[in-house]
Amino acid sequence: MEERLIGMIVPGIGLVSGLIAAYVSLQNRALLAEVRKELAEQENRIISRLNGLYVRSAECRLREDNVHMRLDSMAEEIRKRNAAGS
């Protein structure tokens, strides 16, 4: 009788232990997924903020070239008008 009782208790304890371990493992995975998601969101916010605050050097060069081209074309227009008016 006693052996039979022990024979049922030991597998029962193993089953409960396994179920608890599976539950904890799933909870850990869920927490890790949530943390990874929050990290990705935070990274995106930081990158967006940096991109909004600072201008890249290549972008500055393009803007500067564009301004020079516009000024040159305006100066050329003024020269043509002055030449036509003289």
PDB file of N, CA and C in Angstrom:
ATOM      1  N   MET A   1       0.816  -1.186   0.000  1.00  0.00           N
ATOM      2  CA  MET A   1       0.000   0.000   0.000  1.00  0.00           C
ATOM      3  C   MET A   1       0.867   1.261   0.000  1.00  0.00           C
ATOM      4  N   GLU A   2       1.877   1.216   0.887  1.00  0.00           N
ATOM      5  CA  GLU A   2       2.757   2.361   1.006  1.00  0.00           C
ATOM      6  C   GLU A   2       3.558   2.553  -0.286  1.00  0.00           C
ATOM      7  N   GLU A   3       4.013   1.470  -0.883  1.00  0.00           N
ATOM      8  CA  GLU A   3       4.754   1.566  -2.134  1.00  0.00           C
ATOM      9  C   GLU A   3       3.870   2.116  -3.240  1.00  0.00           C
ATOM     10  N   ARG A   4       2.655   1.733  -3.255  1.00  0.00           N
ATOM     11  CA  ARG A   4       1.709   2.197  -4.256  1.00  0.00           C
ATOM     12  C   ARG A   4       1.468   3.703  -4.117  1.00  0.00           C
ATOM     13  N   LEU A   5       1.328   4.156  -2.877  1.00  0.00           N
ATOM     14  CA  LEU A   5       1.123   5.568  -2.600  1.00  0.00           C
ATOM     15  C   LEU A   5       2.347   6.381  -3.043  1.00  0.00           C
ATOM     16  N   ILE A   6       3.527   5.910  -2.708  1.00  0.00           N
ATOM     17  CA  ILE A   6       4.771   6.572  -3.114  1.00  0.00           C
ATOM     18  C   ILE A   6       4.893   6.525  -4.632  1.00  0.00           C
ATOM     19  N   GLY A   7       4.482   5.422  -5.231  1.00  0.00           N
ATOM     20  CA  GLY A   7       4.524   5.275  -6.686  1.00  0.00           C
ATOM     21  C   GLY A   7       3.624   6.274  -7.392  1.00  0.00           C
ATOM     22  N   MET A   8       2.613   6.778  -6.742  1.00  0.00           N
ATOM     23  CA  MET A   8       1.714   7.772  -7.330  1.00  0.00           C
ATOM     24  C   MET A   8       2.151   9.205  -6.988  1.00  0.00           C
ATOM     25  N   ILE A   9       2.704   9.375  -5.792  1.00  0.00           N
ATOM     26  CA  ILE A   9       3.094  10.720  -5.361  1.00  0.00           C
ATOM     27  C   ILE A   9       4.308  11.226  -6.140  1.00  0.00           C
ATOM     28  N   VAL A  10       5.309  10.378  -6.340  1.00  0.00           N
ATOM     29  CA  VAL A  10       6.535  10.804  -7.008  1.00  0.00           C
ATOM     30  C   VAL A  10       6.265  11.270  -8.442  1.00  0.00           C
ATOM     31  N   PRO A  11       5.543  10.505  -9.275  1.00  0.00           N
ATOM     32  CA  PRO A  11       5.238  11.020 -10.618  1.00  0.00           C
ATOM     33  C   PRO A  11       4.361  12.266 -10.581  1.00  0.00           C
ATOM     34  N   GLY A  12       3.455  12.341  -9.596  1.00  0.00           N
ATOM     35  CA  GLY A  12       2.608  13.530  -9.460  1.00  0.00           C
ATOM     36  C   GLY A  12       3.437  14.769  -9.167  1.00  0.00           C
ATOM     37  N   ILE A  13       4.410  14.615  -8.274  1.00  0.00           N
ATOM     38  CA  ILE A  13       5.300  15.740  -7.951  1.00  0.00           C
ATOM     39  C   ILE A  13       6.114  16.126  -9.182  1.00  0.00           C
ATOM     40  N   GLY A  14       6.594  15.152  -9.922  1.00  0.00           N
ATOM     41  CA  GLY A  14       7.344  15.430 -11.154  1.00  0.00           C
ATOM     42  C   GLY A  14       6.494  16.151 -12.180  1.00  0.00           C
ATOM     43  N   LEU A  15       5.227  15.732 -12.313  1.00  0.00           N
ATOM     44  CA  LEU A  15       4.314  16.368 -13.256  1.00  0.00           C
ATOM     45  C   LEU A  15       4.051  17.820 -12.872  1.00  0.00           C
ATOM     46  N   VAL A  16       3.771  18.052 -11.600  1.00  0.00           N
ATOM     47  CA  VAL A  16       3.513  19.420 -11.122  1.00  0.00           C
ATOM     48  C   VAL A  16       4.763  20.275 -11.313  1.00  0.00           C
ATOM     49  N   SER A  17       5.903  19.715 -10.978  1.00  0.00           N
ATOM     50  CA  SER A  17       7.164  20.444 -11.148  1.00  0.00           C
ATOM     51  C   SER A  17       7.383  20.810 -12.615  1.00  0.00           C
ATOM     52  N   GLY A  18       7.133  19.891 -13.514  1.00  0.00           N
ATOM     53  CA  GLY A  18       7.281  20.144 -14.946  1.00  0.00           C
ATOM     54  C   GLY A  18       6.316  21.205 -15.441  1.00  0.00           C
ATOM     55  N   LEU A  19       5.079  21.160 -14.965  1.00  0.00           N
ATOM     56  CA  LEU A  19       4.096  22.165 -15.365  1.00  0.00           C
ATOM     57  C   LEU A  19       4.485  23.561 -14.871  1.00  0.00           C
ATOM     58  N   ILE A  20       4.986  23.613 -13.649  1.00  0.00           N
ATOM     59  CA  ILE A  20       5.431  24.905 -13.102  1.00  0.00           C
ATOM     60  C   ILE A  20       6.610  25.436 -13.914  1.00  0.00           C
ATOM     61  N   ALA A  21       7.543  24.569 -14.243  1.00  0.00           N
ATOM     62  CA  ALA A  21       8.706  24.989 -15.029  1.00  0.00           C
ATOM     63  C   ALA A  21       8.280  25.486 -16.405  1.00  0.00           C
ATOM     64  N   ALA A  22       7.338  24.813 -17.040  1.00  0.00           N
ATOM     65  CA  ALA A  22       6.846  25.239 -18.351  1.00  0.00           C
ATOM     66  C   ALA A  22       6.168  26.601 -18.251  1.00  0.00           C
ATOM     67  N   TYR A  23       5.378  26.808 -17.212  1.00  0.00           N
ATOM     68  CA  TYR A  23       4.694  28.084 -17.004  1.00  0.00           C
ATOM     69  C   TYR A  23       5.702  29.218 -16.807  1.00  0.00           C
ATOM     70  N   VAL A  24       6.699  28.983 -15.978  1.00  0.00           N
ATOM     71  CA  VAL A  24       7.722  30.003 -15.722  1.00  0.00           C
ATOM     72  C   VAL A  24       8.504  30.300 -16.998  1.00  0.00           C
ATOM     73  N   SER A  25       8.812  29.281 -17.768  1.00  0.00           N
ATOM     74  CA  SER A  25       9.531  29.473 -19.023  1.00  0.00           C
ATOM     75  C   SER A  25       8.719  30.328 -19.989  1.00  0.00           C
ATOM     76  N   LEU A  26       7.418  30.060 -20.096  1.00  0.00           N
ATOM     77  CA  LEU A  26       6.563  30.863 -20.971  1.00  0.00           C
ATOM     78  C   LEU A  26       6.476  32.309 -20.500  1.00  0.00           C
ATOM     79  N   GLN A  27       6.407  32.495 -19.192  1.00  0.00           N
ATOM     80  CA  GLN A  27       6.368  33.854 -18.643  1.00  0.00           C
ATOM     81  C   GLN A  27       7.669  34.593 -18.958  1.00  0.00           C
ATOM     82  N   ASN A  28       8.800  33.900 -18.835  1.00  0.00           N
ATOM     83  CA  ASN A  28      10.093  34.522 -19.145  1.00  0.00           C
ATOM     84  C   ASN A  28      10.171  34.919 -20.614  1.00  0.00           C
ATOM     85  N   ARG A  29       9.680  34.056 -21.490  1.00  0.00           N
ATOM     86  CA  ARG A  29       9.689  34.377 -22.918  1.00  0.00           C
ATOM     87  C   ARG A  29       8.817  35.582 -23.214  1.00  0.00           C
ATOM     88  N   ALA A  30       7.661  35.632 -22.566  1.00  0.00           N
ATOM     89  CA  ALA A  30       6.763  36.771 -22.774  1.00  0.00           C
ATOM     90  C   ALA A  30       7.410  38.062 -22.284  1.00  0.00           C
ATOM     91  N   LEU A  31       8.068  37.992 -21.132  1.00  0.00           N
ATOM     92  CA  LEU A  31       8.740  39.178 -20.604  1.00  0.00           C
ATOM     93  C   LEU A  31       9.889  39.608 -21.518  1.00  0.00           C
ATOM     94  N   LEU A  32      10.658  38.652 -22.013  1.00  0.00           N
ATOM     95  CA  LEU A  32      11.752  38.978 -22.927  1.00  0.00           C
ATOM     96  C   LEU A  32      11.225  39.620 -24.206  1.00  0.00           C
ATOM     97  N   ALA A  33      10.143  39.102 -24.740  1.00  0.00           N
ATOM     98  CA  ALA A  33       9.558  39.679 -25.949  1.00  0.00           C
ATOM     99  C   ALA A  33       9.096  41.108 -25.684  1.00  0.00           C
ATOM    100  N   GLU A  34       8.503  41.330 -24.540  1.00  0.00           N
ATOM    101  CA  GLU A  34       8.032  42.675 -24.188  1.00  0.00           C
ATOM    102  C   GLU A  34       9.209  43.641 -24.030  1.00  0.00           C
ATOM    103  N   VAL A  35      10.271  43.176 -23.393  1.00  0.00           N
ATOM    104  CA  VAL A  35      11.450  44.024 -23.204  1.00  0.00           C
ATOM    105  C   VAL A  35      12.092  44.341 -24.549  1.00  0.00           C
ATOM    106  N   ARG A  36      12.175  43.361 -25.427  1.00  0.00           N
ATOM    107  CA  ARG A  36      12.755  43.596 -26.756  1.00  0.00           C
ATOM    108  C   ARG A  36      11.920  44.604 -27.538  1.00  0.00           C
ATOM    109  N   LYS A  37      10.609  44.484 -27.429  1.00  0.00           N
ATOM    110  CA  LYS A  37       9.715  45.416 -28.114  1.00  0.00           C
ATOM    111  C   LYS A  37       9.921  46.831 -27.578  1.00  0.00           C
ATOM    112  N   GLU A  38       9.983  46.975 -26.268  1.00  0.00           N
ATOM    113  CA  GLU A  38      10.199  48.291 -25.674  1.00  0.00           C
ATOM    114  C   GLU A  38      11.556  48.870 -26.066  1.00  0.00           C
ATOM    115  N   LEU A  39      12.582  48.018 -26.116  1.00  0.00           N
ATOM    116  CA  LEU A  39      13.908  48.481 -26.542  1.00  0.00           C
ATOM    117  C   LEU A  39      13.885  48.974 -27.988  1.00  0.00           C
ATOM    118  N   ALA A  40      13.202  48.246 -28.850  1.00  0.00           N
ATOM    119  CA  ALA A  40      13.105  48.657 -30.250  1.00  0.00           C
ATOM    120  C   ALA A  40      12.364  49.986 -30.368  1.00  0.00           C
ATOM    121  N   GLU A  41      11.286  50.157 -29.615  1.00  0.00           N
ATOM    122  CA  GLU A  41      10.549  51.411 -29.646  1.00  0.00           C
ATOM    123  C   GLU A  41      11.407  52.562 -29.138  1.00  0.00           C
ATOM    124  N   GLN A  42      12.137  52.310 -28.064  1.00  0.00           N
ATOM    125  CA  GLN A  42      13.013  53.341 -27.500  1.00  0.00           C
ATOM    126  C   GLN A  42      14.106  53.717 -28.506  1.00  0.00           C
ATOM    127  N   GLU A  43      14.680  52.708 -29.161  1.00  0.00           N
ATOM    128  CA  GLU A  43      15.716  52.962 -30.164  1.00  0.00           C
ATOM    129  C   GLU A  43      15.160  53.804 -31.306  1.00  0.00           C
ATOM    130  N   ASN A  44      13.951  53.478 -31.755  1.00  0.00           N
ATOM    131  CA  ASN A  44      13.329  54.260 -32.826  1.00  0.00           C
ATOM    132  C   ASN A  44      13.082  55.694 -32.393  1.00  0.00           C
ATOM    133  N   ARG A  45      12.651  55.881 -31.146  1.00  0.00           N
ATOM    134  CA  ARG A  45      12.431  57.239 -30.644  1.00  0.00           C
ATOM    135  C   ARG A  45      13.736  58.025 -30.593  1.00  0.00           C
ATOM    136  N   ILE A  46      14.801  57.379 -30.143  1.00  0.00           N
ATOM    137  CA  ILE A  46      16.099  58.056 -30.058  1.00  0.00           C
ATOM    138  C   ILE A  46      16.591  58.427 -31.452  1.00  0.00           C
ATOM    139  N   ILE A  47      16.497  57.491 -32.387  1.00  0.00           N
ATOM    140  CA  ILE A  47      16.957  57.755 -33.754  1.00  0.00           C
ATOM    141  C   ILE A  47      16.132  58.869 -34.380  1.00  0.00           C
ATOM    142  N   SER A  48      14.813  58.849 -34.176  1.00  0.00           N
ATOM    143  CA  SER A  48      13.964  59.905 -34.727  1.00  0.00           C
ATOM    144  C   SER A  48      14.334  61.254 -34.138  1.00  0.00           C
ATOM    145  N   ARG A  49      14.597  61.264 -32.858  1.00  0.00           N
ATOM    146  CA  ARG A  49      14.958  62.526 -32.204  1.00  0.00           C
ATOM    147  C   ARG A  49      16.298  63.044 -32.716  1.00  0.00           C
ATOM    148  N   LEU A  50      17.271  62.150 -32.842  1.00  0.00           N
ATOM    149  CA  LEU A  50      18.574  62.564 -33.360  1.00  0.00           C
ATOM    150  C   LEU A  50      18.475  63.059 -34.796  1.00  0.00           C
ATOM    151  N   ASN A  51      17.699  62.362 -35.606  1.00  0.00           N
ATOM    152  CA  ASN A  51      17.545  62.787 -36.996  1.00  0.00           C
ATOM    153  C   ASN A  51      16.833  64.132 -37.077  1.00  0.00           C
ATOM    154  N   GLY A  52      15.957  64.404 -36.126  1.00  0.00           N
ATOM    155  CA  GLY A  52      15.266  65.683 -36.115  1.00  0.00           C
ATOM    156  C   GLY A  52      16.144  66.813 -35.615  1.00  0.00           C
ATOM    157  N   LEU A  53      17.100  66.514 -34.761  1.00  0.00           N
ATOM    158  CA  LEU A  53      17.931  67.552 -34.161  1.00  0.00           C
ATOM    159  C   LEU A  53      19.161  67.879 -34.994  1.00  0.00           C
ATOM    160  N   TYR A  54      19.775  66.869 -35.550  1.00  0.00           N
ATOM    161  CA  TYR A  54      21.040  67.061 -36.238  1.00  0.00           C
ATOM    162  C   TYR A  54      20.880  66.814 -37.735  1.00  0.00           C
ATOM    163  N   VAL A  55      21.602  67.573 -38.516  1.00  0.00           N
ATOM    164  CA  VAL A  55      21.577  67.419 -39.963  1.00  0.00           C
ATOM    165  C   VAL A  55      22.869  66.729 -40.372  1.00  0.00           C
ATOM    166  N   ARG A  56      22.750  65.783 -41.250  1.00  0.00           N
ATOM    167  CA  ARG A  56      23.936  65.056 -41.706  1.00  0.00           C
ATOM    168  C   ARG A  56      24.799  65.957 -42.580  1.00  0.00           C
ATOM    169  N   SER A  57      26.101  65.698 -42.604  1.00  0.00           N
ATOM    170  CA  SER A  57      27.028  66.556 -43.360  1.00  0.00           C
ATOM    171  C   SER A  57      26.737  66.490 -44.864  1.00  0.00           C
ATOM    172  N   ALA A  58      26.386  65.326 -45.376  1.00  0.00           N
ATOM    173  CA  ALA A  58      26.066  65.209 -46.798  1.00  0.00           C
ATOM    174  C   ALA A  58      24.839  66.050 -47.136  1.00  0.00           C
ATOM    175  N   GLU A  59      23.887  66.062 -46.230  1.00  0.00           N
ATOM    176  CA  GLU A  59      22.689  66.857 -46.424  1.00  0.00           C
ATOM    177  C   GLU A  59      23.050  68.346 -46.442  1.00  0.00           C
ATOM    178  N   CYS A  60      23.963  68.751 -45.576  1.00  0.00           N
ATOM    179  CA  CYS A  60      24.414  70.146 -45.542  1.00  0.00           C
ATOM    180  C   CYS A  60      25.094  70.528 -46.854  1.00  0.00           C
ATOM    181  N   ARG A  61      25.918  69.628 -47.374  1.00  0.00           N
ATOM    182  CA  ARG A  61      26.604  69.908 -48.635  1.00  0.00           C
ATOM    183  C   ARG A  61      25.602  70.062 -49.773  1.00  0.00           C
ATOM    184  N   LEU A  62      24.599  69.208 -49.804  1.00  0.00           N
ATOM    185  CA  LEU A  62      23.569  69.308 -50.850  1.00  0.00           C
ATOM    186  C   LEU A  62      22.818  70.628 -50.745  1.00  0.00           C
ATOM    187  N   ARG A  63      22.460  71.002 -49.523  1.00  0.00           N
ATOM    188  CA  ARG A  63      21.754  72.267 -49.330  1.00  0.00           C
ATOM    189  C   ARG A  63      22.624  73.439 -49.765  1.00  0.00           C
ATOM    190  N   GLU A  64      23.888  73.405 -49.390  1.00  0.00           N
ATOM    191  CA  GLU A  64      24.804  74.488 -49.747  1.00  0.00           C
ATOM    192  C   GLU A  64      24.965  74.583 -51.266  1.00  0.00           C
ATOM    193  N   ASP A  65      25.126  73.438 -51.936  1.00  0.00           N
ATOM    194  CA  ASP A  65      25.237  73.435 -53.397  1.00  0.00           C
ATOM    195  C   ASP A  65      23.972  73.989 -54.038  1.00  0.00           C
ATOM    196  N   ASN A  66      22.825  73.622 -53.492  1.00  0.00           N
ATOM    197  CA  ASN A  66      21.554  74.117 -54.011  1.00  0.00           C
ATOM    198  C   ASN A  66      21.453  75.633 -53.858  1.00  0.00           C
ATOM    199  N   VAL A  67      21.867  76.157 -52.716  1.00  0.00           N
ATOM    200  CA  VAL A  67      21.831  77.602 -52.490  1.00  0.00           C
ATOM    201  C   VAL A  67      22.767  78.307 -53.469  1.00  0.00           C
ATOM    202  N   HIS A  68      23.965  77.753 -53.682  1.00  0.00           N
ATOM    203  CA  HIS A  68      24.917  78.360 -54.631  1.00  0.00           C
ATOM    204  C   HIS A  68      24.343  78.366 -56.044  1.00  0.00           C
ATOM    205  N   MET A  69      23.696  77.272 -56.440  1.00  0.00           N
ATOM    206  CA  MET A  69      23.106  77.214 -57.778  1.00  0.00           C
ATOM    207  C   MET A  69      22.007  78.260 -57.921  1.00  0.00           C
ATOM    208  N   ARG A  70      21.177  78.400 -56.913  1.00  0.00           N
ATOM    209  CA  ARG A  70      20.105  79.401 -56.970  1.00  0.00           C
ATOM    210  C   ARG A  70      20.668  80.818 -57.037  1.00  0.00           C
ATOM    211  N   LEU A  71      21.676  81.092 -56.225  1.00  0.00           N
ATOM    212  CA  LEU A  71      22.286  82.420 -56.242  1.00  0.00           C
ATOM    213  C   LEU A  71      22.933  82.702 -57.592  1.00  0.00           C
ATOM    214  N   ASP A  72      23.616  81.718 -58.159  1.00  0.00           N
ATOM    215  CA  ASP A  72      24.239  81.894 -59.476  1.00  0.00           C
ATOM    216  C   ASP A  72      23.190  82.172 -60.549  1.00  0.00           C
ATOM    217  N   SER A  73      22.077  81.416 -60.504  1.00  0.00           N
ATOM    218  CA  SER A  73      21.034  81.643 -61.511  1.00  0.00           C
ATOM    219  C   SER A  73      20.382  83.007 -61.327  1.00  0.00           C
ATOM    220  N   MET A  74      20.194  83.442 -60.069  1.00  0.00           N
ATOM    221  CA  MET A  74      19.638  84.777 -59.837  1.00  0.00           C
ATOM    222  C   MET A  74      20.593  85.862 -60.320  1.00  0.00           C
ATOM    223  N   ALA A  75      21.881  85.689 -60.069  1.00  0.00           N
ATOM    224  CA  ALA A  75      22.876  86.666 -60.516  1.00  0.00           C
ATOM    225  C   ALA A  75      22.911  86.733 -62.035  1.00  0.00           C
ATOM    226  N   GLU A  76      22.808  85.583 -62.680  1.00  0.00           N
ATOM    227  CA  GLU A  76      22.797  85.541 -64.148  1.00  0.00           C
ATOM    228  C   GLU A  76      21.564  86.261 -64.696  1.00  0.00           C
ATOM    229  N   GLU A  77      20.417  86.049 -64.058  1.00  0.00           N
ATOM    230  CA  GLU A  77      19.190  86.733 -64.479  1.00  0.00           C
ATOM    231  C   GLU A  77      19.341  88.243 -64.356  1.00  0.00           C
ATOM    232  N   ILE A  78      19.918  88.678 -63.250  1.00  0.00           N
ATOM    233  CA  ILE A  78      20.104  90.118 -63.027  1.00  0.00           C
ATOM    234  C   ILE A  78      21.064  90.678 -64.077  1.00  0.00           C
ATOM    235  N   ARG A  79      22.127  89.955 -64.394  1.00  0.00           N
ATOM    236  CA  ARG A  79      23.058  90.401 -65.429  1.00  0.00           C
ATOM    237  C   ARG A  79      22.361  90.543 -66.781  1.00  0.00           C
ATOM    238  N   LYS A  80      21.513  89.556 -67.112  1.00  0.00           N
ATOM    239  CA  LYS A  80      20.787  89.599 -68.387  1.00  0.00           C
ATOM    240  C   LYS A  80      19.841  90.794 -68.424  1.00  0.00           C
ATOM    241  N   ARG A  81      19.152  91.056 -67.327  1.00  0.00           N
ATOM    242  CA  ARG A  81      18.231  92.206 -67.271  1.00  0.00           C
ATOM    243  C   ARG A  81      18.990  93.508 -67.396  1.00  0.00           C
ATOM    244  N   ASN A  82      20.132  93.598 -66.710  1.00  0.00           N
ATOM    245  CA  ASN A  82      20.930  94.816 -66.793  1.00  0.00           C
ATOM    246  C   ASN A  82      21.481  95.015 -68.212  1.00  0.00           C
ATOM    247  N   ALA A  83      21.891  93.925 -68.838  1.00  0.00           N
ATOM    248  CA  ALA A  83      22.423  94.006 -70.194  1.00  0.00           C
ATOM    249  C   ALA A  83      21.316  94.388 -71.180  1.00  0.00           C
ATOM    250  N   ALA A  84      20.124  93.868 -70.982  1.00  0.00           N
ATOM    251  CA  ALA A  84      19.013  94.184 -71.870  1.00  0.00           C
ATOM    252  C   ALA A  84      18.530  95.608 -71.655  1.00  0.00           C
ATOM    253  N   GLY A  85      18.644  96.097 -70.427  1.00  0.00           N
ATOM    254  CA  GLY A  85      18.166  97.451 -70.133  1.00  0.00           C
ATOM    255  C   GLY A  85      19.139  98.518 -70.560  1.00  0.00           C
ATOM    256  N   SER A  86      20.386  98.184 -70.748  1.00  0.00           N
ATOM    257  CA  SER A  86      21.396  99.206 -71.075  1.00  0.00           C
ATOM    258  C   SER A  86      21.356  99.632 -72.458  1.00  0.00           C
TER     259      SER A  86
END
